[in-house]
PDB file of N, CA and C in Angstrom:
ATOM      1  N   MET A   1     -16.979 174.407   7.561  1.00  0.00           N
ATOM      2  CA  MET A   1     -16.845 173.487   6.442  1.00  0.00           C
ATOM      3  C   MET A   1     -15.979 174.068   5.342  1.00  0.00           C
ATOM      4  N   ILE A   2     -16.251 175.281   4.962  1.00  0.00           N
ATOM      5  CA  ILE A   2     -15.549 175.887   3.839  1.00  0.00           C
ATOM      6  C   ILE A   2     -14.103 176.245   4.186  1.00  0.00           C
ATOM      7  N   ASP A   3     -13.756 176.209   5.464  1.00  0.00           N
ATOM      8  CA  ASP A   3     -12.398 176.543   5.892  1.00  0.00           C
ATOM      9  C   ASP A   3     -11.347 175.650   5.242  1.00  0.00           C
ATOM     10  N   HIS A   4     -11.720 174.435   4.862  1.00  0.00           N
ATOM     11  CA  HIS A   4     -10.786 173.483   4.269  1.00  0.00           C
ATOM     12  C   HIS A   4     -10.601 173.697   2.761  1.00  0.00           C
ATOM     13  N   PHE A   5     -11.453 174.510   2.154  1.00  0.00           N
ATOM     14  CA  PHE A   5     -11.464 174.684   0.707  1.00  0.00           C
ATOM     15  C   PHE A   5     -10.736 175.958   0.301  1.00  0.00           C
ATOM     16  N   PRO A   6     -10.331 176.066  -0.969  1.00  0.00           N
ATOM     17  CA  PRO A   6      -9.681 177.298  -1.435  1.00  0.00           C
ATOM     18  C   PRO A   6     -10.584 178.519  -1.211  1.00  0.00           C
ATOM     19  N   ALA A   7      -9.970 179.679  -1.102  1.00  0.00           N
ATOM     20  CA  ALA A   7     -10.685 180.912  -0.768  1.00  0.00           C
ATOM     21  C   ALA A   7     -11.771 181.282  -1.776  1.00  0.00           C
ATOM     22  N   ASP A   8     -11.619 180.891  -3.043  1.00  0.00           N
ATOM     23  CA  ASP A   8     -12.608 181.280  -4.060  1.00  0.00           C
ATOM     24  C   ASP A   8     -13.795 180.319  -4.154  1.00  0.00           C
ATOM     25  N   THR A   9     -13.922 179.390  -3.222  1.00  0.00           N
ATOM     26  CA  THR A   9     -15.024 178.427  -3.211  1.00  0.00           C
ATOM     27  C   THR A   9     -16.303 179.100  -2.729  1.00  0.00           C
ATOM     28  N   LYS A  10     -17.415 178.772  -3.384  1.00  0.00           N
ATOM     29  CA  LYS A  10     -18.726 179.296  -2.986  1.00  0.00           C
ATOM     30  C   LYS A  10     -19.623 178.118  -2.619  1.00  0.00           C
ATOM     31  N   VAL A  11     -20.363 178.252  -1.523  1.00  0.00           N
ATOM     32  CA  VAL A  11     -21.239 177.181  -1.065  1.00  0.00           C
ATOM     33  C   VAL A  11     -22.642 177.739  -0.892  1.00  0.00           C
ATOM     34  N   SER A  12     -23.620 177.005  -1.415  1.00  0.00           N
ATOM     35  CA  SER A  12     -25.015 177.354  -1.164  1.00  0.00           C
ATOM     36  C   SER A  12     -25.710 176.125  -0.594  1.00  0.00           C
ATOM     37  N   ARG A  13     -26.679 176.372   0.226  1.00  0.00           N
ATOM     38  CA  ARG A  13     -27.420 175.277   0.850  1.00  0.00           C
ATOM     39  C   ARG A  13     -28.869 175.375   0.396  1.00  0.00           C
ATOM     40  N   PRO A  14     -29.250 174.620  -0.633  1.00  0.00           N
ATOM     41  CA  PRO A  14     -30.633 174.669  -1.116  1.00  0.00           C
ATOM     42  C   PRO A  14     -31.616 174.282  -0.006  1.00  0.00           C
ATOM     43  N   GLN A  15     -32.780 174.892  -0.026  1.00  0.00           N
ATOM     44  CA  GLN A  15     -33.790 174.591   0.980  1.00  0.00           C
ATOM     45  C   GLN A  15     -34.333 173.183   0.808  1.00  0.00           C
ATOM     46  N   GLY A  16     -34.701 172.584   1.921  1.00  0.00           N
ATOM     47  CA  GLY A  16     -35.417 171.314   1.868  1.00  0.00           C
ATOM     48  C   GLY A  16     -34.543 170.083   1.839  1.00  0.00           C
ATOM     49  N   GLY A  17     -33.318 170.149   2.301  1.00  0.00           N
ATOM     50  CA  GLY A  17     -32.533 168.932   2.268  1.00  0.00           C
ATOM     51  C   GLY A  17     -31.206 169.047   2.974  1.00  0.00           C
ATOM     52  N   PHE A  18     -30.466 167.978   2.898  1.00  0.00           N
ATOM     53  CA  PHE A  18     -29.151 167.885   3.504  1.00  0.00           C
ATOM     54  C   PHE A  18     -28.097 167.885   2.405  1.00  0.00           C
ATOM     55  N   ILE A  19     -28.183 168.877   1.566  1.00  0.00           N
ATOM     56  CA  ILE A  19     -27.321 168.946   0.380  1.00  0.00           C
ATOM     57  C   ILE A  19     -26.597 170.279   0.352  1.00  0.00           C
ATOM     58  N   LEU A  20     -25.324 170.230   0.012  1.00  0.00           N
ATOM     59  CA  LEU A  20     -24.559 171.451  -0.227  1.00  0.00           C
ATOM     60  C   LEU A  20     -24.207 171.503  -1.713  1.00  0.00           C
ATOM     61  N   TRP A  21     -24.366 172.646  -2.316  1.00  0.00           N
ATOM     62  CA  TRP A  21     -23.955 172.873  -3.699  1.00  0.00           C
ATOM     63  C   TRP A  21     -22.691 173.713  -3.623  1.00  0.00           C
ATOM     64  N   VAL A  22     -21.588 173.202  -4.167  1.00  0.00           N
ATOM     65  CA  VAL A  22     -20.286 173.837  -4.021  1.00  0.00           C
ATOM     66  C   VAL A  22     -19.752 174.233  -5.391  1.00  0.00           C
ATOM     67  N   GLU A  23     -19.476 175.517  -5.553  1.00  0.00           N
ATOM     68  CA  GLU A  23     -18.897 176.024  -6.797  1.00  0.00           C
ATOM     69  C   GLU A  23     -17.403 176.218  -6.581  1.00  0.00           C
ATOM     70  N   LEU A  24     -16.617 175.499  -7.362  1.00  0.00           N
ATOM     71  CA  LEU A  24     -15.161 175.521  -7.241  1.00  0.00           C
ATOM     72  C   LEU A  24     -14.538 176.376  -8.344  1.00  0.00           C
ATOM     73  N   ASN A  25     -13.256 176.556  -8.261  1.00  0.00           N
ATOM     74  CA  ASN A  25     -12.495 177.252  -9.285  1.00  0.00           C
ATOM     75  C   ASN A  25     -12.744 176.580 -10.644  1.00  0.00           C
ATOM     76  N   LYS A  26     -12.834 177.361 -11.687  1.00  0.00           N
ATOM     77  CA  LYS A  26     -13.131 176.813 -13.026  1.00  0.00           C
ATOM     78  C   LYS A  26     -12.069 175.848 -13.535  1.00  0.00           C
ATOM     79  N   LYS A  27     -10.886 175.850 -12.933  1.00  0.00           N
ATOM     80  CA  LYS A  27      -9.816 174.939 -13.339  1.00  0.00           C
ATOM     81  C   LYS A  27     -10.058 173.503 -12.870  1.00  0.00           C
ATOM     82  N   ILE A  28     -10.969 173.319 -11.945  1.00  0.00           N
ATOM     83  CA  ILE A  28     -11.193 171.997 -11.360  1.00  0.00           C
ATOM     84  C   ILE A  28     -12.073 171.138 -12.257  1.00  0.00           C
ATOM     85  N   ASN A  29     -11.583 169.960 -12.593  1.00  0.00           N
ATOM     86  CA  ASN A  29     -12.352 168.954 -13.320  1.00  0.00           C
ATOM     87  C   ASN A  29     -13.045 168.105 -12.252  1.00  0.00           C
ATOM     88  N   THR A  30     -14.337 168.288 -12.072  1.00  0.00           N
ATOM     89  CA  THR A  30     -15.029 167.612 -10.976  1.00  0.00           C
ATOM     90  C   THR A  30     -15.186 166.107 -11.199  1.00  0.00           C
ATOM     91  N   PHE A  31     -15.090 165.649 -12.427  1.00  0.00           N
ATOM     92  CA  PHE A  31     -15.110 164.197 -12.655  1.00  0.00           C
ATOM     93  C   PHE A  31     -13.785 163.584 -12.186  1.00  0.00           C
ATOM     94  N   GLN A  32     -12.687 164.282 -12.434  1.00  0.00           N
ATOM     95  CA  GLN A  32     -11.390 163.833 -11.936  1.00  0.00           C
ATOM     96  C   GLN A  32     -11.357 163.925 -10.412  1.00  0.00           C
ATOM     97  N   LEU A  33     -11.924 164.995  -9.863  1.00  0.00           N
ATOM     98  CA  LEU A  33     -11.991 165.152  -8.411  1.00  0.00           C
ATOM     99  C   LEU A  33     -12.782 164.007  -7.787  1.00  0.00           C
ATOM    100  N   ARG A  34     -13.885 163.626  -8.422  1.00  0.00           N
ATOM    101  CA  ARG A  34     -14.687 162.514  -7.910  1.00  0.00           C
ATOM    102  C   ARG A  34     -13.864 161.229  -7.863  1.00  0.00           C
ATOM    103  N   THR A  35     -13.100 160.960  -8.905  1.00  0.00           N
ATOM    104  CA  THR A  35     -12.256 159.765  -8.954  1.00  0.00           C
ATOM    105  C   THR A  35     -11.249 159.766  -7.806  1.00  0.00           C
ATOM    106  N   GLU A  36     -10.598 160.903  -7.582  1.00  0.00           N
ATOM    107  CA  GLU A  36      -9.618 161.006  -6.495  1.00  0.00           C
ATOM    108  C   GLU A  36     -10.299 160.897  -5.131  1.00  0.00           C
ATOM    109  N   ALA A  37     -11.452 161.514  -4.984  1.00  0.00           N
ATOM    110  CA  ALA A  37     -12.177 161.469  -3.710  1.00  0.00           C
ATOM    111  C   ALA A  37     -12.609 160.043  -3.362  1.00  0.00           C
ATOM    112  N   MET A  38     -13.036 159.292  -4.361  1.00  0.00           N
ATOM    113  CA  MET A  38     -13.478 157.913  -4.121  1.00  0.00           C
ATOM    114  C   MET A  38     -12.349 157.046  -3.567  1.00  0.00           C
ATOM    115  N   LYS A  39     -11.099 157.360  -3.902  1.00  0.00           N
ATOM    116  CA  LYS A  39      -9.956 156.620  -3.349  1.00  0.00           C
ATOM    117  C   LYS A  39      -9.863 156.788  -1.836  1.00  0.00           C
ATOM    118  N   HIS A  40     -10.495 157.847  -1.317  1.00  0.00           N
ATOM    119  CA  HIS A  40     -10.509 158.121   0.120  1.00  0.00           C
ATOM    120  C   HIS A  40     -11.889 157.842   0.724  1.00  0.00           C
ATOM    121  N   LYS A  41     -12.731 157.120  -0.037  1.00  0.00           N
ATOM    122  CA  LYS A  41     -14.092 156.780   0.383  1.00  0.00           C
ATOM    123  C   LYS A  41     -14.967 158.017   0.616  1.00  0.00           C
ATOM    124  N   ILE A  42     -14.728 159.038  -0.220  1.00  0.00           N
ATOM    125  CA  ILE A  42     -15.518 160.269  -0.191  1.00  0.00           C
ATOM    126  C   ILE A  42     -16.343 160.306  -1.471  1.00  0.00           C
ATOM    127  N   SER A  43     -17.632 160.403  -1.322  1.00  0.00           N
ATOM    128  CA  SER A  43     -18.511 160.406  -2.481  1.00  0.00           C
ATOM    129  C   SER A  43     -19.060 161.809  -2.721  1.00  0.00           C
ATOM    130  N   ILE A  44     -18.828 162.322  -3.917  1.00  0.00           N
ATOM    131  CA  ILE A  44     -19.375 163.602  -4.361  1.00  0.00           C
ATOM    132  C   ILE A  44     -20.020 163.376  -5.720  1.00  0.00           C
ATOM    133  N   VAL A  45     -20.849 164.325  -6.127  1.00  0.00           N
ATOM    134  CA  VAL A  45     -21.491 164.216  -7.433  1.00  0.00           C
ATOM    135  C   VAL A  45     -21.102 165.436  -8.260  1.00  0.00           C
ATOM    136  N   PRO A  46     -20.470 165.229  -9.431  1.00  0.00           N
ATOM    137  CA  PRO A  46     -20.143 166.361 -10.303  1.00  0.00           C
ATOM    138  C   PRO A  46     -21.410 167.094 -10.742  1.00  0.00           C
ATOM    139  N   GLY A  47     -21.376 168.407 -10.674  1.00  0.00           N
ATOM    140  CA  GLY A  47     -22.545 169.218 -10.988  1.00  0.00           C
ATOM    141  C   GLY A  47     -23.038 169.096 -12.413  1.00  0.00           C
ATOM    142  N   ARG A  48     -22.160 168.762 -13.318  1.00  0.00           N
ATOM    143  CA  ARG A  48     -22.541 168.695 -14.732  1.00  0.00           C
ATOM    144  C   ARG A  48     -23.654 167.679 -14.990  1.00  0.00           C
ATOM    145  N   ILE A  49     -23.746 166.649 -14.189  1.00  0.00           N
ATOM    146  CA  ILE A  49     -24.792 165.651 -14.461  1.00  0.00           C
ATOM    147  C   ILE A  49     -26.191 166.178 -14.154  1.00  0.00           C
ATOM    148  N   PHE A  50     -26.284 167.364 -13.561  1.00  0.00           N
ATOM    149  CA  PHE A  50     -27.582 167.958 -13.258  1.00  0.00           C
ATOM    150  C   PHE A  50     -28.035 168.942 -14.335  1.00  0.00           C
ATOM    151  N   SER A  51     -27.315 168.982 -15.459  1.00  0.00           N
ATOM    152  CA  SER A  51     -27.639 169.911 -16.534  1.00  0.00           C
ATOM    153  C   SER A  51     -27.515 169.205 -17.884  1.00  0.00           C
ATOM    154  N   VAL A  52     -28.398 169.552 -18.803  1.00  0.00           N
ATOM    155  CA  VAL A  52     -28.302 168.979 -20.145  1.00  0.00           C
ATOM    156  C   VAL A  52     -27.254 169.707 -20.977  1.00  0.00           C
ATOM    157  N   SER A  53     -26.803 170.854 -20.498  1.00  0.00           N
ATOM    158  CA  SER A  53     -25.745 171.593 -21.190  1.00  0.00           C
ATOM    159  C   SER A  53     -24.409 171.300 -20.510  1.00  0.00           C
ATOM    160  N   THR A  54     -23.416 172.072 -20.856  1.00  0.00           N
ATOM    161  CA  THR A  54     -22.103 171.880 -20.238  1.00  0.00           C
ATOM    162  C   THR A  54     -21.912 172.813 -19.036  1.00  0.00           C
ATOM    163  N   ASN A  55     -23.008 173.274 -18.460  1.00  0.00           N
ATOM    164  CA  ASN A  55     -22.936 174.120 -17.267  1.00  0.00           C
ATOM    165  C   ASN A  55     -22.514 173.307 -16.052  1.00  0.00           C
ATOM    166  N   TYR A  56     -22.054 173.985 -15.050  1.00  0.00           N
ATOM    167  CA  TYR A  56     -21.745 173.418 -13.727  1.00  0.00           C
ATOM    168  C   TYR A  56     -20.586 172.425 -13.739  1.00  0.00           C
ATOM    169  N   THR A  57     -19.674 172.555 -14.693  1.00  0.00           N
ATOM    170  CA  THR A  57     -18.535 171.630 -14.757  1.00  0.00           C
ATOM    171  C   THR A  57     -17.586 171.804 -13.580  1.00  0.00           C
ATOM    172  N   ASN A  58     -17.645 172.952 -12.909  1.00  0.00           N
ATOM    173  CA  ASN A  58     -16.772 173.202 -11.762  1.00  0.00           C
ATOM    174  C   ASN A  58     -17.544 173.140 -10.435  1.00  0.00           C
ATOM    175  N   CYS A  59     -18.708 172.524 -10.457  1.00  0.00           N
ATOM    176  CA  CYS A  59     -19.544 172.435  -9.260  1.00  0.00           C
ATOM    177  C   CYS A  59     -19.677 170.983  -8.807  1.00  0.00           C
ATOM    178  N   ILE A  60     -19.911 170.817  -7.505  1.00  0.00           N
ATOM    179  CA  ILE A  60     -20.177 169.487  -6.954  1.00  0.00           C
ATOM    180  C   ILE A  60     -21.354 169.570  -5.997  1.00  0.00           C
ATOM    181  N   ARG A  61     -21.999 168.442  -5.816  1.00  0.00           N
ATOM    182  CA  ARG A  61     -23.057 168.324  -4.821  1.00  0.00           C
ATOM    183  C   ARG A  61     -22.562 167.379  -3.742  1.00  0.00           C
ATOM    184  N   ILE A  62     -22.705 167.808  -2.506  1.00  0.00           N
ATOM    185  CA  ILE A  62     -22.335 166.976  -1.360  1.00  0.00           C
ATOM    186  C   ILE A  62     -23.601 166.740  -0.552  1.00  0.00           C
ATOM    187  N   SER A  63     -23.917 165.480  -0.306  1.00  0.00           N
ATOM    188  CA  SER A  63     -25.094 165.125   0.478  1.00  0.00           C
ATOM    189  C   SER A  63     -24.668 164.585   1.835  1.00  0.00           C
ATOM    190  N   PHE A  64     -25.438 164.947   2.840  1.00  0.00           N
ATOM    191  CA  PHE A  64     -25.195 164.447   4.188  1.00  0.00           C
ATOM    192  C   PHE A  64     -26.420 163.643   4.613  1.00  0.00           C
ATOM    193  N   GLY A  65     -26.254 162.337   4.793  1.00  0.00           N
ATOM    194  CA  GLY A  65     -27.373 161.483   5.163  1.00  0.00           C
ATOM    195  C   GLY A  65     -27.421 161.164   6.643  1.00  0.00           C
ATOM    196  N   LYS A  66     -26.422 161.645   7.389  1.00  0.00           N
ATOM    197  CA  LYS A  66     -26.410 161.406   8.830  1.00  0.00           C
ATOM    198  C   LYS A  66     -25.853 162.650   9.511  1.00  0.00           C
ATOM    199  N   PRO A  67     -25.987 162.760  10.814  1.00  0.00           N
ATOM    200  CA  PRO A  67     -25.502 163.964  11.508  1.00  0.00           C
ATOM    201  C   PRO A  67     -24.018 164.216  11.262  1.00  0.00           C
ATOM    202  N   PHE A  68     -23.669 165.491  11.248  1.00  0.00           N
ATOM    203  CA  PHE A  68     -22.279 165.884  11.045  1.00  0.00           C
ATOM    204  C   PHE A  68     -21.426 165.304  12.166  1.00  0.00           C
ATOM    205  N   SER A  69     -20.270 164.746  11.794  1.00  0.00           N
ATOM    206  CA  SER A  69     -19.422 164.053  12.764  1.00  0.00           C
ATOM    207  C   SER A  69     -17.952 164.312  12.451  1.00  0.00           C
ATOM    208  N   GLU A  70     -17.083 163.686  13.232  1.00  0.00           N
ATOM    209  CA  GLU A  70     -15.649 163.781  12.957  1.00  0.00           C
ATOM    210  C   GLU A  70     -15.316 163.183  11.594  1.00  0.00           C
ATOM    211  N   ASP A  71     -16.021 162.118  11.207  1.00  0.00           N
ATOM    212  CA  ASP A  71     -15.811 161.522   9.883  1.00  0.00           C
ATOM    213  C   ASP A  71     -16.172 162.516   8.781  1.00  0.00           C
ATOM    214  N   SER A  72     -17.275 163.241   8.980  1.00  0.00           N
ATOM    215  CA  SER A  72     -17.684 164.249   7.999  1.00  0.00           C
ATOM    216  C   SER A  72     -16.635 165.334   7.891  1.00  0.00           C
ATOM    217  N   GLU A  73     -16.153 165.792   9.040  1.00  0.00           N
ATOM    218  CA  GLU A  73     -15.126 166.839   9.070  1.00  0.00           C
ATOM    219  C   GLU A  73     -13.856 166.368   8.363  1.00  0.00           C
ATOM    220  N   TYR A  74     -13.456 165.126   8.634  1.00  0.00           N
ATOM    221  CA  TYR A  74     -12.269 164.569   7.977  1.00  0.00           C
ATOM    222  C   TYR A  74     -12.472 164.499   6.462  1.00  0.00           C
ATOM    223  N   GLY A  75     -13.644 164.056   6.027  1.00  0.00           N
ATOM    224  CA  GLY A  75     -13.926 163.964   4.600  1.00  0.00           C
ATOM    225  C   GLY A  75     -13.852 165.318   3.910  1.00  0.00           C
ATOM    226  N   LEU A  76     -14.388 166.344   4.554  1.00  0.00           N
ATOM    227  CA  LEU A  76     -14.335 167.690   3.983  1.00  0.00           C
ATOM    228  C   LEU A  76     -12.906 168.217   3.957  1.00  0.00           C
ATOM    229  N   MET A  77     -12.145 167.928   5.006  1.00  0.00           N
ATOM    230  CA  MET A  77     -10.746 168.342   5.044  1.00  0.00           C
ATOM    231  C   MET A  77      -9.970 167.681   3.906  1.00  0.00           C
ATOM    232  N   MET A  78     -10.165 166.377   3.728  1.00  0.00           N
ATOM    233  CA  MET A  78      -9.465 165.647   2.669  1.00  0.00           C
ATOM    234  C   MET A  78      -9.900 166.144   1.292  1.00  0.00           C
ATOM    235  N   LEU A  79     -11.180 166.399   1.124  1.00  0.00           N
ATOM    236  CA  LEU A  79     -11.680 166.916  -0.149  1.00  0.00           C
ATOM    237  C   LEU A  79     -11.041 168.272  -0.451  1.00  0.00           C
ATOM    238  N   GLY A  80     -10.942 169.127   0.560  1.00  0.00           N
ATOM    239  CA  GLY A  80     -10.273 170.413   0.381  1.00  0.00           C
ATOM    240  C   GLY A  80      -8.826 170.250  -0.049  1.00  0.00           C
ATOM    241  N   LYS A  81      -8.118 169.286   0.552  1.00  0.00           N
ATOM    242  CA  LYS A  81      -6.736 169.034   0.170  1.00  0.00           C
ATOM    243  C   LYS A  81      -6.633 168.571  -1.276  1.00  0.00           C
ATOM    244  N   LEU A  82      -7.547 167.699  -1.695  1.00  0.00           N
ATOM    245  CA  LEU A  82      -7.540 167.211  -3.072  1.00  0.00           C
ATOM    246  C   LEU A  82      -7.768 168.360  -4.061  1.00  0.00           C
ATOM    247  N   ILE A  83      -8.676 169.242  -3.714  1.00  0.00           N
ATOM    248  CA  ILE A  83      -8.978 170.391  -4.590  1.00  0.00           C
ATOM    249  C   ILE A  83      -7.755 171.287  -4.696  1.00  0.00           C
ATOM    250  N   LYS A  84      -7.141 171.597  -3.574  1.00  0.00           N
ATOM    251  CA  LYS A  84      -5.951 172.452  -3.584  1.00  0.00           C
ATOM    252  C   LYS A  84      -4.818 171.831  -4.386  1.00  0.00           C
ATOM    253  N   LYS A  85      -4.671 170.498  -4.263  1.00  0.00           N
ATOM    254  CA  LYS A  85      -3.642 169.794  -5.027  1.00  0.00           C
ATOM    255  C   LYS A  85      -3.911 169.910  -6.531  1.00  0.00           C
ATOM    256  N   MET A  86      -5.179 169.785  -6.927  1.00  0.00           N
ATOM    257  CA  MET A  86      -5.527 169.902  -8.342  1.00  0.00           C
ATOM    258  C   MET A  86      -5.229 171.308  -8.863  1.00  0.00           C
ATOM    259  N   LEU A  87      -5.420 172.308  -8.033  1.00  0.00           N
ATOM    260  CA  LEU A  87      -5.147 173.681  -8.454  1.00  0.00           C
ATOM    261  C   LEU A  87      -3.663 173.924  -8.662  1.00  0.00           C
ATOM    262  N   GLN A  88      -2.839 173.182  -7.947  1.00  0.00           N
ATOM    263  CA  GLN A  88      -1.387 173.337  -8.065  1.00  0.00           C
ATOM    264  C   GLN A  88      -0.835 172.622  -9.295  1.00  0.00           C
ATOM    265  N   SER A  89      -1.588 171.687  -9.834  1.00  0.00           N
ATOM    266  CA  SER A  89      -1.122 170.892 -10.998  1.00  0.00           C
ATOM    267  C   SER A  89      -1.192 171.684 -12.270  1.00  0.00           C
TER     268      SER A  89
END
């Protein structure tokens, strides 16, 4: 999964669910990333909404509600491309 993302990406898998917590480069605006991802029918949740402070602005939550598939792989690949593009801007 992480192969599609920039090298400095960190992923943790909290216990008890089908959720990945992804920490991206601090340059990434995850609200902007969400907007771009939605254009490709990829839904992510910016990490900042899980905190009352301004923490986790460079984090996202990815949920998987069905078994991993080619569609999931494509979505992660596209998300990685979007992140890399944002880093180049």
